[in-house]
Amino acid sequence: MSKYSEQDKLRAINYYLAGHSFRETERALGISWSSIKEWVRMYRKNGVEGITKKNRNYTGDFKVHVVEYMHTYQLSSLEAASLFLIPSHRVVDKWEPCLLRGRGTGTL
């Protein structure tokens, strides 16, 4: 279960978009500015769909595809996560070393 609901995320996004800084939003709502920044980025890129809960079970093939795409097009993990609607670039950051070590799709 996510620590913050979709409603919490939208409240933070809207507060920020109303002209407040990330730090002001953090202080007002008690949510870390880095989380708010990531939600705003996903919201701007993909709308509400970018912050909604989705199936978080990714197949090995999907993980390989994301990492290979990231390397082919020289994307950061942040850009790849946004493109593939993965809620956090940290997830992609965990997949990349596994693939580069040659573990294959089964253990990613």
PDB file of N, CA and C in Angstrom:
ATOM      1  N   MET A   1       0.844  -1.180   0.000  1.00  0.00           N
ATOM      2  CA  MET A   1       0.000   0.000   0.000  1.00  0.00           C
ATOM      3  C   MET A   1       0.890   1.243   0.000  1.00  0.00           C
ATOM      4  N   SER A   2       0.494   2.212  -0.784  1.00  0.00           N
ATOM      5  CA  SER A   2       1.239   3.455  -0.889  1.00  0.00           C
ATOM      6  C   SER A   2       1.086   4.266   0.391  1.00  0.00           C
ATOM      7  N   LYS A   3       2.157   4.947   0.751  1.00  0.00           N
ATOM      8  CA  LYS A   3       2.128   5.778   1.950  1.00  0.00           C
ATOM      9  C   LYS A   3       1.149   6.938   1.785  1.00  0.00           C
ATOM     10  N   TYR A   4       1.042   7.443   0.549  1.00  0.00           N
ATOM     11  CA  TYR A   4       0.159   8.574   0.275  1.00  0.00           C
ATOM     12  C   TYR A   4      -0.897   8.180  -0.752  1.00  0.00           C
ATOM     13  N   SER A   5      -2.104   8.600  -0.505  1.00  0.00           N
ATOM     14  CA  SER A   5      -3.195   8.311  -1.425  1.00  0.00           C
ATOM     15  C   SER A   5      -3.103   9.221  -2.650  1.00  0.00           C
ATOM     16  N   GLU A   6      -3.856   8.871  -3.651  1.00  0.00           N
ATOM     17  CA  GLU A   6      -3.935   9.718  -4.847  1.00  0.00           C
ATOM     18  C   GLU A   6      -4.433  11.113  -4.463  1.00  0.00           C
ATOM     19  N   GLN A   7      -5.363  11.168  -3.541  1.00  0.00           N
ATOM     20  CA  GLN A   7      -5.907  12.446  -3.075  1.00  0.00           C
ATOM     21  C   GLN A   7      -4.819  13.288  -2.390  1.00  0.00           C
ATOM     22  N   ASP A   8      -3.973  12.658  -1.563  1.00  0.00           N
ATOM     23  CA  ASP A   8      -2.859  13.362  -0.918  1.00  0.00           C
ATOM     24  C   ASP A   8      -1.906  13.934  -1.963  1.00  0.00           C
ATOM     25  N   LYS A   9      -1.599  13.121  -2.955  1.00  0.00           N
ATOM     26  CA  LYS A   9      -0.678  13.547  -4.016  1.00  0.00           C
ATOM     27  C   LYS A   9      -1.259  14.726  -4.793  1.00  0.00           C
ATOM     28  N   LEU A  10      -2.532  14.632  -5.143  1.00  0.00           N
ATOM     29  CA  LEU A  10      -3.167  15.728  -5.884  1.00  0.00           C
ATOM     30  C   LEU A  10      -3.227  17.003  -5.052  1.00  0.00           C
ATOM     31  N   ARG A  11      -3.469  16.870  -3.759  1.00  0.00           N
ATOM     32  CA  ARG A  11      -3.495  18.030  -2.882  1.00  0.00           C
ATOM     33  C   ARG A  11      -2.122  18.715  -2.890  1.00  0.00           C
ATOM     34  N   ALA A  12      -1.059  17.923  -2.785  1.00  0.00           N
ATOM     35  CA  ALA A  12       0.295  18.470  -2.796  1.00  0.00           C
ATOM     36  C   ALA A  12       0.625  19.101  -4.150  1.00  0.00           C
ATOM     37  N   ILE A  13       0.261  18.442  -5.215  1.00  0.00           N
ATOM     38  CA  ILE A  13       0.519  18.963  -6.562  1.00  0.00           C
ATOM     39  C   ILE A  13      -0.206  20.288  -6.762  1.00  0.00           C
ATOM     40  N   ASN A  14      -1.464  20.322  -6.409  1.00  0.00           N
ATOM     41  CA  ASN A  14      -2.255  21.540  -6.584  1.00  0.00           C
ATOM     42  C   ASN A  14      -1.739  22.687  -5.712  1.00  0.00           C
ATOM     43  N   TYR A  15      -1.300  22.371  -4.509  1.00  0.00           N
ATOM     44  CA  TYR A  15      -0.737  23.396  -3.619  1.00  0.00           C
ATOM     45  C   TYR A  15       0.522  23.983  -4.259  1.00  0.00           C
ATOM     46  N   TYR A  16       1.375  23.106  -4.761  1.00  0.00           N
ATOM     47  CA  TYR A  16       2.594  23.569  -5.425  1.00  0.00           C
ATOM     48  C   TYR A  16       2.256  24.388  -6.678  1.00  0.00           C
ATOM     49  N   LEU A  17       1.361  23.879  -7.493  1.00  0.00           N
ATOM     50  CA  LEU A  17       1.007  24.561  -8.743  1.00  0.00           C
ATOM     51  C   LEU A  17       0.285  25.891  -8.500  1.00  0.00           C
ATOM     52  N   ALA A  18      -0.229  26.085  -7.296  1.00  0.00           N
ATOM     53  CA  ALA A  18      -0.872  27.358  -6.944  1.00  0.00           C
ATOM     54  C   ALA A  18       0.159  28.452  -6.669  1.00  0.00           C
ATOM     55  N   GLY A  19       1.444  28.099  -6.771  1.00  0.00           N
ATOM     56  CA  GLY A  19       2.476  29.120  -6.632  1.00  0.00           C
ATOM     57  C   GLY A  19       3.402  28.973  -5.448  1.00  0.00           C
ATOM     58  N   HIS A  20       3.231  27.903  -4.686  1.00  0.00           N
ATOM     59  CA  HIS A  20       4.095  27.672  -3.530  1.00  0.00           C
ATOM     60  C   HIS A  20       5.349  26.913  -3.968  1.00  0.00           C
ATOM     61  N   SER A  21       6.431  27.089  -3.252  1.00  0.00           N
ATOM     62  CA  SER A  21       7.656  26.349  -3.554  1.00  0.00           C
ATOM     63  C   SER A  21       7.516  24.909  -3.038  1.00  0.00           C
ATOM     64  N   PHE A  22       8.459  24.058  -3.452  1.00  0.00           N
ATOM     65  CA  PHE A  22       8.450  22.683  -2.942  1.00  0.00           C
ATOM     66  C   PHE A  22       8.629  22.678  -1.427  1.00  0.00           C
ATOM     67  N   ARG A  23       9.504  23.521  -0.923  1.00  0.00           N
ATOM     68  CA  ARG A  23       9.746  23.577   0.528  1.00  0.00           C
ATOM     69  C   ARG A  23       8.519  24.089   1.280  1.00  0.00           C
ATOM     70  N   GLU A  24       7.828  25.089   0.732  1.00  0.00           N
ATOM     71  CA  GLU A  24       6.599  25.590   1.367  1.00  0.00           C
ATOM     72  C   GLU A  24       5.534  24.503   1.384  1.00  0.00           C
ATOM     73  N   THR A  25       5.437  23.768   0.300  1.00  0.00           N
ATOM     74  CA  THR A  25       4.464  22.673   0.214  1.00  0.00           C
ATOM     75  C   THR A  25       4.811  21.593   1.228  1.00  0.00           C
ATOM     76  N   GLU A  26       6.082  21.291   1.353  1.00  0.00           N
ATOM     77  CA  GLU A  26       6.538  20.307   2.337  1.00  0.00           C
ATOM     78  C   GLU A  26       6.127  20.719   3.751  1.00  0.00           C
ATOM     79  N   ARG A  27       6.397  21.971   4.090  1.00  0.00           N
ATOM     80  CA  ARG A  27       6.059  22.459   5.445  1.00  0.00           C
ATOM     81  C   ARG A  27       4.553  22.477   5.683  1.00  0.00           C
ATOM     82  N   ALA A  28       3.792  22.887   4.669  1.00  0.00           N
ATOM     83  CA  ALA A  28       2.335  23.003   4.836  1.00  0.00           C
ATOM     84  C   ALA A  28       1.651  21.643   4.950  1.00  0.00           C
ATOM     85  N   LEU A  29       2.159  20.645   4.217  1.00  0.00           N
ATOM     86  CA  LEU A  29       1.458  19.364   4.153  1.00  0.00           C
ATOM     87  C   LEU A  29       2.178  18.215   4.850  1.00  0.00           C
ATOM     88  N   GLY A  30       3.419  18.445   5.275  1.00  0.00           N
ATOM     89  CA  GLY A  30       4.156  17.388   5.964  1.00  0.00           C
ATOM     90  C   GLY A  30       4.577  16.247   5.060  1.00  0.00           C
ATOM     91  N   ILE A  31       4.827  16.560   3.799  1.00  0.00           N
ATOM     92  CA  ILE A  31       5.266  15.568   2.821  1.00  0.00           C
ATOM     93  C   ILE A  31       6.621  16.044   2.291  1.00  0.00           C
ATOM     94  N   SER A  32       7.557  15.143   2.137  1.00  0.00           N
ATOM     95  CA  SER A  32       8.894  15.547   1.707  1.00  0.00           C
ATOM     96  C   SER A  32       8.856  16.246   0.350  1.00  0.00           C
ATOM     97  N   TRP A  33       9.696  17.264   0.227  1.00  0.00           N
ATOM     98  CA  TRP A  33       9.722  18.037  -1.014  1.00  0.00           C
ATOM     99  C   TRP A  33      10.151  17.170  -2.193  1.00  0.00           C
ATOM    100  N   SER A  34      11.006  16.166  -1.948  1.00  0.00           N
ATOM    101  CA  SER A  34      11.453  15.317  -3.051  1.00  0.00           C
ATOM    102  C   SER A  34      10.304  14.460  -3.595  1.00  0.00           C
ATOM    103  N   SER A  35       9.422  14.000  -2.711  1.00  0.00           N
ATOM    104  CA  SER A  35       8.239  13.252  -3.170  1.00  0.00           C
ATOM    105  C   SER A  35       7.324  14.163  -3.977  1.00  0.00           C
ATOM    106  N   ILE A  36       7.117  15.357  -3.468  1.00  0.00           N
ATOM    107  CA  ILE A  36       6.245  16.319  -4.166  1.00  0.00           C
ATOM    108  C   ILE A  36       6.812  16.634  -5.546  1.00  0.00           C
ATOM    109  N   LYS A  37       8.113  16.843  -5.608  1.00  0.00           N
ATOM    110  CA  LYS A  37       8.769  17.159  -6.886  1.00  0.00           C
ATOM    111  C   LYS A  37       8.567  16.021  -7.888  1.00  0.00           C
ATOM    112  N   GLU A  38       8.711  14.794  -7.425  1.00  0.00           N
ATOM    113  CA  GLU A  38       8.524  13.642  -8.308  1.00  0.00           C
ATOM    114  C   GLU A  38       7.070  13.534  -8.774  1.00  0.00           C
ATOM    115  N   TRP A  39       6.123  13.754  -7.868  1.00  0.00           N
ATOM    116  CA  TRP A  39       4.712  13.693  -8.247  1.00  0.00           C
ATOM    117  C   TRP A  39       4.371  14.770  -9.270  1.00  0.00           C
ATOM    118  N   VAL A  40       4.889  15.979  -9.065  1.00  0.00           N
ATOM    119  CA  VAL A  40       4.631  17.077  -9.999  1.00  0.00           C
ATOM    120  C   VAL A  40       5.186  16.732 -11.375  1.00  0.00           C
ATOM    121  N   ARG A  41       6.386  16.165 -11.399  1.00  0.00           N
ATOM    122  CA  ARG A  41       6.992  15.764 -12.675  1.00  0.00           C
ATOM    123  C   ARG A  41       6.125  14.733 -13.385  1.00  0.00           C
ATOM    124  N   MET A  42       5.694  13.710 -12.652  1.00  0.00           N
ATOM    125  CA  MET A  42       4.852  12.666 -13.244  1.00  0.00           C
ATOM    126  C   MET A  42       3.503  13.237 -13.681  1.00  0.00           C
ATOM    127  N   TYR A  43       2.947  14.127 -12.901  1.00  0.00           N
ATOM    128  CA  TYR A  43       1.663  14.746 -13.226  1.00  0.00           C
ATOM    129  C   TYR A  43       1.780  15.587 -14.493  1.00  0.00           C
ATOM    130  N   ARG A  44       2.835  16.370 -14.589  1.00  0.00           N
ATOM    131  CA  ARG A  44       3.027  17.210 -15.778  1.00  0.00           C
ATOM    132  C   ARG A  44       3.238  16.376 -17.027  1.00  0.00           C
ATOM    133  N   LYS A  45       3.900  15.259 -16.878  1.00  0.00           N
ATOM    134  CA  LYS A  45       4.197  14.401 -18.034  1.00  0.00           C
ATOM    135  C   LYS A  45       2.997  13.557 -18.445  1.00  0.00           C
ATOM    136  N   ASN A  46       2.254  13.028 -17.466  1.00  0.00           N
ATOM    137  CA  ASN A  46       1.217  12.027 -17.754  1.00  0.00           C
ATOM    138  C   ASN A  46      -0.148  12.319 -17.155  1.00  0.00           C
ATOM    139  N   GLY A  47      -0.338  13.487 -16.580  1.00  0.00           N
ATOM    140  CA  GLY A  47      -1.617  13.814 -15.968  1.00  0.00           C
ATOM    141  C   GLY A  47      -1.875  12.962 -14.740  1.00  0.00           C
ATOM    142  N   VAL A  48      -3.128  12.827 -14.375  1.00  0.00           N
ATOM    143  CA  VAL A  48      -3.506  12.068 -13.180  1.00  0.00           C
ATOM    144  C   VAL A  48      -3.033  10.620 -13.282  1.00  0.00           C
ATOM    145  N   GLU A  49      -3.012  10.082 -14.487  1.00  0.00           N
ATOM    146  CA  GLU A  49      -2.568   8.700 -14.678  1.00  0.00           C
ATOM    147  C   GLU A  49      -1.138   8.501 -14.170  1.00  0.00           C
ATOM    148  N   GLY A  50      -0.336   9.542 -14.227  1.00  0.00           N
ATOM    149  CA  GLY A  50       1.043   9.442 -13.771  1.00  0.00           C
ATOM    150  C   GLY A  50       1.205   9.250 -12.276  1.00  0.00           C
ATOM    151  N   ILE A  51       0.170   9.553 -11.517  1.00  0.00           N
ATOM    152  CA  ILE A  51       0.280   9.418 -10.053  1.00  0.00           C
ATOM    153  C   ILE A  51      -0.695   8.404  -9.466  1.00  0.00           C
ATOM    154  N   THR A  52      -1.480   7.760 -10.308  1.00  0.00           N
ATOM    155  CA  THR A  52      -2.437   6.776  -9.797  1.00  0.00           C
ATOM    156  C   THR A  52      -1.744   5.454  -9.523  1.00  0.00           C
ATOM    157  N   LYS A  53      -2.335   4.704  -8.645  1.00  0.00           N
ATOM    158  CA  LYS A  53      -1.800   3.392  -8.303  1.00  0.00           C
ATOM    159  C   LYS A  53      -1.997   2.455  -9.490  1.00  0.00           C
ATOM    160  N   LYS A  54      -0.970   1.689  -9.753  1.00  0.00           N
ATOM    161  CA  LYS A  54      -1.011   0.720 -10.841  1.00  0.00           C
ATOM    162  C   LYS A  54      -0.433  -0.592 -10.342  1.00  0.00           C
ATOM    163  N   ASN A  55      -0.564  -1.604 -11.180  1.00  0.00           N
ATOM    164  CA  ASN A  55       0.059  -2.881 -10.871  1.00  0.00           C
ATOM    165  C   ASN A  55       1.570  -2.668 -10.777  1.00  0.00           C
ATOM    166  N   ARG A  56       2.152  -2.997  -9.665  1.00  0.00           N
ATOM    167  CA  ARG A  56       3.573  -2.771  -9.458  1.00  0.00           C
ATOM    168  C   ARG A  56       4.406  -4.032  -9.691  1.00  0.00           C
ATOM    169  N   ASN A  57       3.805  -5.063 -10.242  1.00  0.00           N
ATOM    170  CA  ASN A  57       4.538  -6.288 -10.530  1.00  0.00           C
ATOM    171  C   ASN A  57       4.973  -6.260 -11.976  1.00  0.00           C
ATOM    172  N   TYR A  58       6.250  -5.967 -12.201  1.00  0.00           N
ATOM    173  CA  TYR A  58       6.771  -5.861 -13.553  1.00  0.00           C
ATOM    174  C   TYR A  58       7.461  -7.158 -13.933  1.00  0.00           C
ATOM    175  N   THR A  59       7.244  -7.596 -15.154  1.00  0.00           N
ATOM    176  CA  THR A  59       7.884  -8.826 -15.625  1.00  0.00           C
ATOM    177  C   THR A  59       9.368  -8.552 -15.881  1.00  0.00           C
ATOM    178  N   GLY A  60      10.138  -9.620 -15.892  1.00  0.00           N
ATOM    179  CA  GLY A  60      11.555  -9.506 -16.217  1.00  0.00           C
ATOM    180  C   GLY A  60      11.762  -8.924 -17.602  1.00  0.00           C
ATOM    181  N   ASP A  61      10.932  -9.343 -18.560  1.00  0.00           N
ATOM    182  CA  ASP A  61      11.047  -8.821 -19.922  1.00  0.00           C
ATOM    183  C   ASP A  61      10.798  -7.316 -19.961  1.00  0.00           C
ATOM    184  N   PHE A  62       9.824  -6.856 -19.192  1.00  0.00           N
ATOM    185  CA  PHE A  62       9.537  -5.426 -19.152  1.00  0.00           C
ATOM    186  C   PHE A  62      10.730  -4.664 -18.579  1.00  0.00           C
ATOM    187  N   LYS A  63      11.307  -5.190 -17.509  1.00  0.00           N
ATOM    188  CA  LYS A  63      12.457  -4.534 -16.882  1.00  0.00           C
ATOM    189  C   LYS A  63      13.625  -4.427 -17.862  1.00  0.00           C
ATOM    190  N   VAL A  64      13.891  -5.520 -18.572  1.00  0.00           N
ATOM    191  CA  VAL A  64      14.963  -5.515 -19.562  1.00  0.00           C
ATOM    192  C   VAL A  64      14.663  -4.490 -20.647  1.00  0.00           C
ATOM    193  N   HIS A  65      13.425  -4.460 -21.105  1.00  0.00           N
ATOM    194  CA  HIS A  65      13.031  -3.506 -22.143  1.00  0.00           C
ATOM    195  C   HIS A  65      13.274  -2.066 -21.686  1.00  0.00           C
ATOM    196  N   VAL A  66      12.881  -1.754 -20.475  1.00  0.00           N
ATOM    197  CA  VAL A  66      13.050  -0.399 -19.951  1.00  0.00           C
ATOM    198  C   VAL A  66      14.532  -0.030 -19.893  1.00  0.00           C
ATOM    199  N   VAL A  67      15.347  -0.910 -19.339  1.00  0.00           N
ATOM    200  CA  VAL A  67      16.779  -0.611 -19.199  1.00  0.00           C
ATOM    201  C   VAL A  67      17.449  -0.516 -20.566  1.00  0.00           C
ATOM    202  N   GLU A  68      17.104  -1.429 -21.478  1.00  0.00           N
ATOM    203  CA  GLU A  68      17.690  -1.364 -22.825  1.00  0.00           C
ATOM    204  C   GLU A  68      17.261  -0.094 -23.549  1.00  0.00           C
ATOM    205  N   TYR A  69      16.006   0.273 -23.416  1.00  0.00           N
ATOM    206  CA  TYR A  69      15.507   1.508 -24.035  1.00  0.00           C
ATOM    207  C   TYR A  69      16.236   2.716 -23.456  1.00  0.00           C
ATOM    208  N   MET A  70      16.424   2.695 -22.161  1.00  0.00           N
ATOM    209  CA  MET A  70      17.104   3.779 -21.475  1.00  0.00           C
ATOM    210  C   MET A  70      18.526   3.945 -22.026  1.00  0.00           C
ATOM    211  N   HIS A  71      19.222   2.827 -22.226  1.00  0.00           N
ATOM    212  CA  HIS A  71      20.588   2.889 -22.733  1.00  0.00           C
ATOM    213  C   HIS A  71      20.627   3.237 -24.217  1.00  0.00           C
ATOM    214  N   THR A  72      19.713   2.688 -24.993  1.00  0.00           N
ATOM    215  CA  THR A  72      19.675   2.965 -26.431  1.00  0.00           C
ATOM    216  C   THR A  72      19.462   4.444 -26.708  1.00  0.00           C
ATOM    217  N   TYR A  73      18.550   5.054 -25.968  1.00  0.00           N
ATOM    218  CA  TYR A  73      18.197   6.456 -26.201  1.00  0.00           C
ATOM    219  C   TYR A  73      18.851   7.410 -25.196  1.00  0.00           C
ATOM    220  N   GLN A  74      19.804   6.882 -24.431  1.00  0.00           N
ATOM    221  CA  GLN A  74      20.574   7.670 -23.465  1.00  0.00           C
ATOM    222  C   GLN A  74      19.676   8.492 -22.534  1.00  0.00           C
ATOM    223  N   LEU A  75      18.718   7.800 -21.938  1.00  0.00           N
ATOM    224  CA  LEU A  75      17.805   8.426 -20.992  1.00  0.00           C
ATOM    225  C   LEU A  75      18.306   8.207 -19.575  1.00  0.00           C
ATOM    226  N   SER A  76      17.973   9.109 -18.704  1.00  0.00           N
ATOM    227  CA  SER A  76      18.230   8.907 -17.285  1.00  0.00           C
ATOM    228  C   SER A  76      17.151   7.969 -16.737  1.00  0.00           C
ATOM    229  N   SER A  77      17.381   7.442 -15.568  1.00  0.00           N
ATOM    230  CA  SER A  77      16.350   6.599 -14.949  1.00  0.00           C
ATOM    231  C   SER A  77      15.090   7.411 -14.674  1.00  0.00           C
ATOM    232  N   LEU A  78      15.256   8.691 -14.383  1.00  0.00           N
ATOM    233  CA  LEU A  78      14.116   9.578 -14.157  1.00  0.00           C
ATOM    234  C   LEU A  78      13.275   9.712 -15.429  1.00  0.00           C
ATOM    235  N   GLU A  79      13.945   9.906 -16.555  1.00  0.00           N
ATOM    236  CA  GLU A  79      13.234  10.031 -17.834  1.00  0.00           C
ATOM    237  C   GLU A  79      12.568   8.717 -18.225  1.00  0.00           C
ATOM    238  N   ALA A  80      13.265   7.602 -18.012  1.00  0.00           N
ATOM    239  CA  ALA A  80      12.695   6.295 -18.348  1.00  0.00           C
ATOM    240  C   ALA A  80      11.476   5.989 -17.480  1.00  0.00           C
ATOM    241  N   ALA A  81      11.569   6.275 -16.198  1.00  0.00           N
ATOM    242  CA  ALA A  81      10.439   6.032 -15.301  1.00  0.00           C
ATOM    243  C   ALA A  81       9.227   6.844 -15.745  1.00  0.00           C
ATOM    244  N   SER A  82       9.444   8.074 -16.107  1.00  0.00           N
ATOM    245  CA  SER A  82       8.355   8.928 -16.553  1.00  0.00           C
ATOM    246  C   SER A  82       7.744   8.404 -17.845  1.00  0.00           C
ATOM    247  N   LEU A  83       8.576   8.014 -18.788  1.00  0.00           N
ATOM    248  CA  LEU A  83       8.107   7.513 -20.082  1.00  0.00           C
ATOM    249  C   LEU A  83       7.276   6.244 -19.937  1.00  0.00           C
ATOM    250  N   PHE A  84       7.703   5.335 -19.066  1.00  0.00           N
ATOM    251  CA  PHE A  84       7.031   4.041 -18.904  1.00  0.00           C
ATOM    252  C   PHE A  84       6.034   4.025 -17.738  1.00  0.00           C
ATOM    253  N   LEU A  85       5.709   5.206 -17.203  1.00  0.00           N
ATOM    254  CA  LEU A  85       4.744   5.347 -16.103  1.00  0.00           C
ATOM    255  C   LEU A  85       5.115   4.517 -14.877  1.00  0.00           C
ATOM    256  N   ILE A  86       6.392   4.490 -14.577  1.00  0.00           N
ATOM    257  CA  ILE A  86       6.880   3.835 -13.370  1.00  0.00           C
ATOM    258  C   ILE A  86       6.946   4.929 -12.306  1.00  0.00           C
ATOM    259  N   PRO A  87       6.299   4.734 -11.179  1.00  0.00           N
ATOM    260  CA  PRO A  87       6.132   5.832 -10.230  1.00  0.00           C
ATOM    261  C   PRO A  87       7.412   6.409  -9.629  1.00  0.00           C
ATOM    262  N   SER A  88       8.506   5.671  -9.660  1.00  0.00           N
ATOM    263  CA  SER A  88       9.734   6.199  -9.072  1.00  0.00           C
ATOM    264  C   SER A  88      10.943   5.748  -9.888  1.00  0.00           C
ATOM    265  N   HIS A  89      11.830   6.672 -10.149  1.00  0.00           N
ATOM    266  CA  HIS A  89      13.048   6.325 -10.882  1.00  0.00           C
ATOM    267  C   HIS A  89      13.932   5.394 -10.064  1.00  0.00           C
ATOM    268  N   ARG A  90      13.733   5.350  -8.769  1.00  0.00           N
ATOM    269  CA  ARG A  90      14.529   4.469  -7.912  1.00  0.00           C
ATOM    270  C   ARG A  90      14.297   2.999  -8.251  1.00  0.00           C
ATOM    271  N   VAL A  91      13.099   2.695  -8.736  1.00  0.00           N
ATOM    272  CA  VAL A  91      12.793   1.330  -9.163  1.00  0.00           C
ATOM    273  C   VAL A  91      13.690   0.960 -10.347  1.00  0.00           C
ATOM    274  N   VAL A  92      13.765   1.848 -11.324  1.00  0.00           N
ATOM    275  CA  VAL A  92      14.604   1.612 -12.497  1.00  0.00           C
ATOM    276  C   VAL A  92      16.073   1.535 -12.083  1.00  0.00           C
ATOM    277  N   ASP A  93      16.467   2.379 -11.142  1.00  0.00           N
ATOM    278  CA  ASP A  93      17.849   2.358 -10.649  1.00  0.00           C
ATOM    279  C   ASP A  93      18.232   0.985 -10.094  1.00  0.00           C
ATOM    280  N   LYS A  94      17.274   0.266  -9.534  1.00  0.00           N
ATOM    281  CA  LYS A  94      17.542  -1.065  -8.986  1.00  0.00           C
ATOM    282  C   LYS A  94      17.667  -2.114 -10.092  1.00  0.00           C
ATOM    283  N   TRP A  95      16.930  -1.932 -11.182  1.00  0.00           N
ATOM    284  CA  TRP A  95      16.970  -2.909 -12.273  1.00  0.00           C
ATOM    285  C   TRP A  95      18.262  -2.838 -13.066  1.00  0.00           C
ATOM    286  N   GLU A  96      18.758  -1.637 -13.266  1.00  0.00           N
ATOM    287  CA  GLU A  96      19.894  -1.435 -14.168  1.00  0.00           C
ATOM    288  C   GLU A  96      21.130  -2.253 -13.782  1.00  0.00           C
ATOM    289  N   PRO A  97      21.581  -2.237 -12.534  1.00  0.00           N
ATOM    290  CA  PRO A  97      22.779  -3.025 -12.203  1.00  0.00           C
ATOM    291  C   PRO A  97      22.575  -4.520 -12.410  1.00  0.00           C
ATOM    292  N   CYS A  98      21.373  -5.006 -12.161  1.00  0.00           N
ATOM    293  CA  CYS A  98      21.092  -6.433 -12.358  1.00  0.00           C
ATOM    294  C   CYS A  98      21.281  -6.814 -13.819  1.00  0.00           C
ATOM    295  N   LEU A  99      20.768  -5.988 -14.708  1.00  0.00           N
ATOM    296  CA  LEU A  99      20.895  -6.266 -16.135  1.00  0.00           C
ATOM    297  C   LEU A  99      22.354  -6.151 -16.566  1.00  0.00           C
ATOM    298  N   LEU A 100      23.035  -5.137 -16.100  1.00  0.00           N
ATOM    299  CA  LEU A 100      24.418  -4.929 -16.502  1.00  0.00           C
ATOM    300  C   LEU A 100      25.345  -6.033 -15.994  1.00  0.00           C
ATOM    301  N   ARG A 101      24.958  -6.672 -14.907  1.00  0.00           N
ATOM    302  CA  ARG A 101      25.741  -7.801 -14.378  1.00  0.00           C
ATOM    303  C   ARG A 101      25.442  -9.076 -15.152  1.00  0.00           C
ATOM    304  N   GLY A 102      24.471  -9.009 -16.076  1.00  0.00           N
ATOM    305  CA  GLY A 102      24.168 -10.151 -16.919  1.00  0.00           C
ATOM    306  C   GLY A 102      23.318 -11.220 -16.271  1.00  0.00           C
ATOM    307  N   ARG A 103      22.517 -10.800 -15.316  1.00  0.00           N
ATOM    308  CA  ARG A 103      21.670 -11.789 -14.641  1.00  0.00           C
ATOM    309  C   ARG A 103      20.509 -12.251 -15.510  1.00  0.00           C
ATOM    310  N   GLY A 104      20.167 -11.500 -16.520  1.00  0.00           N
ATOM    311  CA  GLY A 104      19.067 -11.897 -17.389  1.00  0.00           C
ATOM    312  C   GLY A 104      17.731 -11.506 -16.837  1.00  0.00           C
ATOM    313  N   THR A 105      16.674 -11.928 -17.519  1.00  0.00           N
ATOM    314  CA  THR A 105      15.326 -11.490 -17.179  1.00  0.00           C
ATOM    315  C   THR A 105      14.761 -12.175 -15.945  1.00  0.00           C
ATOM    316  N   GLY A 106      15.248 -13.337 -15.612  1.00  0.00           N
ATOM    317  CA  GLY A 106      14.632 -14.073 -14.526  1.00  0.00           C
ATOM    318  C   GLY A 106      14.828 -13.505 -13.154  1.00  0.00           C
ATOM    319  N   THR A 107      15.916 -12.777 -12.930  1.00  0.00           N
ATOM    320  CA  THR A 107      16.194 -12.305 -11.579  1.00  0.00           C
ATOM    321  C   THR A 107      16.117 -10.813 -11.418  1.00  0.00           C
ATOM    322  N   LEU A 108      15.685 -10.107 -12.432  1.00  0.00           N
ATOM    323  CA  LEU A 108      15.599  -8.650 -12.320  1.00  0.00           C
ATOM    324  C   LEU A 108      14.476  -8.258 -11.403  1.00  0.00           C
TER     325      LEU A 108
END
